[in-house]
Amino acid sequence: MDKKKTSSRSEKNTTVKPTSKSSSLRQATANFHECITTTEQSLPLSTSNQAARYARSQRIPSIPMRMDIAQNFFLIWLDSSIDKSNQDCQRFLTTLNHFVNTIKTYTDLNECVEFITASTHENIFMITSGTLGSQCVPFIHHMAQIDSIYILCGNKSKHDQWAKDWQKIKGVFTDIRSLCGVLQQDIHLCDRDSTPIAITNAQNPDQLDPTFMYTTLFKEAVLDIHYDANEIPKLTEICRKLYTDNKKELDIINEFEHKYTAETSIRWYTRECFVYHILNQALRTFDATTMLVMGVFIRHLHLHLQRLHSQQKHLFPEKFQLYRGQALLTNTFHQLQASSGGLFSFNSFLSTSQDRAVSYRFAAAATRKSDHVGVLFQITIDPKCSSTPFALIDKQGQSYQIHKELQLFEVELVLTQNNDPKLAHLTKHIRDKISRSTGWHTLGALFLQTGDFHQAEALYRTLLMNVEEDDFNEIAFLNHQLGRVYSDMGEYSKALEYYEKDLEISKQSLPPTHSDLATSYSNIGGVYSDMGEYSKALEYYEKAHKIYAQSLPPTHPDLATSYSNIGRVYSHMGEYSKALEYYEKAHKIYAQSLPPTHPDLATSYSNIGGVYSHMGEYSKALEYYEKAHKIYAQSLPPTHPDLATSYNNIGRVYSHMGEYLKALEHYEKAHKIYAQSLPPTHPDLATSYGNIGGVYSHMGEYSKALEYYEKAHKIYAQSLPPTHPSLATSYGNIGRVYSHMGEYSKALEYHEKGHKMYEQSLPPTHPSLATSYNNIGGVYSHIGEYSKALEYCEKAEKICVQSLPQTHPAFSSVYSCLGRIYRYLRDYSKALMFFEKTLEMDRNIFSERHPFMGITYANVGDVHRLSGDIKSGLGFLEKARDIQENVTCDPVSIAWTYEYLGGTYLAMKEYTRALEFYGKALEIREKCLRATHPYIADAQHHLAEVYKEMKEYNAAYEHAERAVQIAQEKLPATHPYLLEYRKNATDIEQKL
C-alpha cells in the first residue's frame, strides 16, 4: 500500500518558546516513606511573555473527554450462591468496592470461564467458592490475564488439599475480612508493579521506546496550558462517573474537590486513591484521553516537584542511593540481565525509598507472583545531572541473586544525564514539528502525530467554536487541521469541505506563492487521490509543487512530501516507473533533512517498497518494507495506524511469495491495530479485512475468504465514492471466490460490476483493468464459452504489454489463463507454449517451493500427458506433487494435480493407481467445496472412465450419473463438459 503524506500547516504571527531543562529529581515530605522522582524532562514556570497566549487559552473550554478505565485490573467473583438482593452479599460487594472499582459476578462456571478466555484485560483477580474453584482453576490457571485466585469456602482443610498445587491461589479463606486483607495487599502490589518500563540493549540501541518520547511531549504541551479554576470540578465530575458504585472512593473524590490545591498534589498522588490509579494507568498505556483530563493535576504535580527540588537540592550529597522494590515478569527480567550497559527507562512519576529495607519488603512480596521475580533496584543519583529521562545500567554493575528460593534479585542502576542521541534527535524533530503557539494547538498536533484522531477532532472542533470571528488566520488553520483529521479518519467528503474552507480563506489573505497555500492545494489533492479521482489529485498536487519549488529550499521536507504525493498518484495510475522516479527524489531529500528514525523516512521507504511490489520485485519490496517497519516501530506508538499499514505491506509481500502463514500473521497484527485506532468504516480497515480474505482464498478456505471479503466490501461501500477503484477491486475479490466455489453466474456478476468501475475511474491501460479482463476470461472458460474467454484474456495480455515490464507477475496469470483456454479447446501445442511461458516467468519470480510453482508444473505436466508425452508429463506432475504436499497452499490446487496424475496412470493402464489419485481428488473437493461444485462432477466423471476401462460398469454408471446430476446444477445446458458427461453415462448404460 502506498502511503500518503499529509502536509502540515504553519501558523501565522506566532512564536514558540524554547524549552529549558532542569534536574527532575524530587523528594516528598518526611511524612512519606518513599521519595517521588519524575523521569521526564522539566519545563520552567510560566513567564511573562506567555501571558497573552495563556489569556487566550483561558477562553478555551476544556474538551469533554471520557476515560474508559480507572484501574489496570478488575475482580471476578464466582459462586453459585451469589444473590445481590441479599444483605450479606451487598455488604461484601461494598467492602470489595473500597479497593476494587470493577467487579464482575458469576454464578455459572461456563459463563465465567468463557468470559475470562475472551478477556484481553491484563490483570484479573478472582474470588471463587471451593467447589467451583476446584472445577475452574485447571482451565484458567495458565492464562496470563489471571493474576491471583482466592478461595472463599466453609471447609478450609478440605480445599487446602487441592489448592496447594496451584501457584496463583493466594489462600483458602473462611472469613471475608482476612481474604480482603490479602487481596488489598496484592492489588496494591499489582498497581505498583505496573509502572511502565522500557529496556534498550547496549548491543542493539536502535530498539528505542517511542512511548517515553510521546509521553514527554504530551507533558510539555500540558505544561504550556494555563488551566483555570474550573478544571478540578470538571475532573472530579468525570471521576465520579467512573466510581459510581464505590462509596469510599466517591467520598475521597468529594474531599479532593473541596480540599485539593496545587501545593497538595504530591500528597494526593502518594495517597492510595483514584488519583494514583487513574494517572498511573494513563501513563502505562499512553491513554491520551485520560492524560488530558488529568492535565491540570500533572501540571501541578510536576511544578510542585520542581519547586521542592529547587529548595532541597543543597541537602543532597554528591552521590546517593534510592531504592525501589517491585515484581518483573521473568522474560522482562531476562531482557534486563542481557542489557548491561543499556538504557532502562521508567515512563512515570516514580515512587522510591531512601530506606533499603522498605523497598526490600516490596521486592520480597513480589516473589509470590507466578511467572515473576522480585527485583530490588538500587539507583545511584548524581545531583549534577541536568535531566533524568533514563536510568543507565552501569557496565561495571551486576545483577546477583539474593535469595534463590525467593527468586529475588538486586539490580544496580546509575542515573544518566545523557539522552540517547537517536531518541533525543527524533524527540527534538517531532517537538519542533508539533510545537504551536498555544498548548492546545500543540496537543492537537501531537494527537495527529500519534494517530489519536477522535481526540484531535474534539479538540479542533472546540477551538473552532470559540475562535474570534475576525481571526481569519486561526479560522483557516483550524479548518485545515479538521480537514486533516477527517482525511486520516477516511471521511473524505468532510475532509474536502474543511480543506476547501481553508483554501478559500488562505487565497484572500496570502500571496500566491506562500507555502501554506501550497499545503492547502496538496491536502486537497490527497483527498482526491484517496477518493480515486487521480486526474484531479494530480492537478492539485502539481499546483502545490510549483509553489513549493519557488518558495522552499531544495532540501526542505515539504518539497519531498510534494514529490512523494505525485509519485503516489502515478503509482495508483499504474505508471510505476514514473512513480519510482518521484519517490526516489522524495527519498533523497528526506534522507538529507530528517533524523534516521523519523516516521516520514519510513513512509518514503514504504512507498518505494510498494512500487517494487506492484512491479513484482518482491525481494526488493520486502527489503524496503522492513526498513520502513524498523523505523515505525522505533518512532510511533504501538497502536498507530501507520504501524498497521507497515504490517499489512509486509504481509502482502509474503502472500505474493506464497508464505501464507507469515502473511496471515502480519495481516492479523495489522488488523488488531486498525480495529483499535480507526473508525469502524475507515477504508484501511476494509483493506485489512480484504487482505486476510485473500490469504484464506489462497489457502482454499473459501467460506472464510468470502466472509472477510464481504466485511471489506461493506465498509468500502459506506466510505468510498461509488466508482472508487478499491470498491471495484472488492467486487473482483468476491467474484474470484465465487468462481473458486463454482458459482459462476455470481462470479461473473461481481467481476462485471468491478470492471465497469475500473473503466470509469482508471486509464485504459491500467494493470487493474488487465486483472479484471483476465478474471472475466477465466469465468467464461469455466462455463464453456471459450471464444469469449479468449477475447477477454487477450485484452488483458495487450494491457500488460503496454503498461508493465515483461517480468511482471501479471503476465504469468494471463499466460496461465490462456494456456487453460487452449487446453479446453484441445489445442495442446498452444496450451503448452503458454504454460511454458508461465513456468519461465514463475521461475524468475518465485522460489522453487512456491505454491504457484506447483500449479504451473501440474499444468505443464498435464498438457504433456494430453499430447501423448506420458513420461515428461509424469515428471512435471511429480514435481508439482512434491511442492504441494510440503507447503501451505490451496488444497483444491493439489486436487487438480491428483486428477492429472489419475489421468496419466489411466493412460498407462495402471487402473489401481488411477483410482487412487482420482479418489484423492474427489475426497479433497468434497471436503473443501459445495456438493454441487462442477469440480466434484469432474472427479466423478473421471472415476467413471476408470471403472469403464476396468469393465466394472455398475460402479462406472453410478459415478457417471452423479457427474451428470451435479454438472447440470451449475453448468449451461450446452457446456462441453456436461455434454461429455451425458454421452459417457449413456455409453456406460448401454453396456449394463
Foldseek 3Di string as FASTA:
>chain_A
DADADADAFAFPPFDFDDFDWFAFQFADDPVDQWGWGALFTDGDADDPVLVVQQVVLALFDAFDFADDALFLEAEEEEALPQDCVDPVNVVLVQLLLQQGQHYHYYDDLVVVLVCLVPDPRQAYEYEYELVSCVVCCVVPLPPRRYWAYEYAYQDQVVSVVVVVVRLRYPGYDPDSVVVSVVVNVVRVQVLQQLQAKDWAAPVHNLLAAQLLLLLNLLLVLLLQHDDDPCLLVSLLVNVCVSRVPHVNQNVVSVVCSVPDDLLCLVVVCPDSHSVVRQQSVCLSQVVVSSCSSCSVSSNSVSNNRVVNCVVCVVVDDQKAKWKAKHKDQLVVVVSVQNRAQIWMFGRGGHIIRSDQVVRVVSQLVRLSIPRIHMEMEIEMEGSVQGHFNIWGQHNPWHKDDDDVVSNYIYGYTYTDNDDDVLSVQQSVVVSVVLGHNGSLSSVLSSCVQQLVLVVNLSSLVSVLVSDDPPPLSSNLSSLQSNLVSCVSQLQLVSSLVSLVSSLVSCVVPDPLLDLSNLSSLQSNLVSCVSQLQLVSSLVSLVSSLVSCVVPDPQLDLVNLSSLQSNLSSCVSQLQLVSSLVSLVSSLVSCVVPGRQLHLVNLSSLQNNLVSCVQQLVLVSSLVSLVSSLSSCSNNHPLLHLVNLVSLQSNLVSCVVQQQLVSSLVSLVSSLVSCVVNHPLLHLVNLVSLQSNLVSCVFLLQLVSSLVSLVSSLVSCVVRHPQLHLVNLVSLQSNLVSCVVQQQLVSSLVSLVSSLVSCVVRHDLLHLVNLVSLQSNLLSCVVQAVLVSSVVSLVSSVVSCVVRHPPLGLSLLSSLQSVLSSVVVVVVLVSSLVSLVSSLVSCVVNYDLLRLVNLLSLQSNLLSCVSVVNLVSSVVSLVSSLVSPVPHRGNVLSNLSSLQSVLVSVVVVVVLVSSLVSLVVSLVSCPVSHDLLRLSNLVSLQSNLVSCVVVVVLVSSLVSLVSSLVSCVVRHPPPRPVNVVSVVSNVVSVVSD
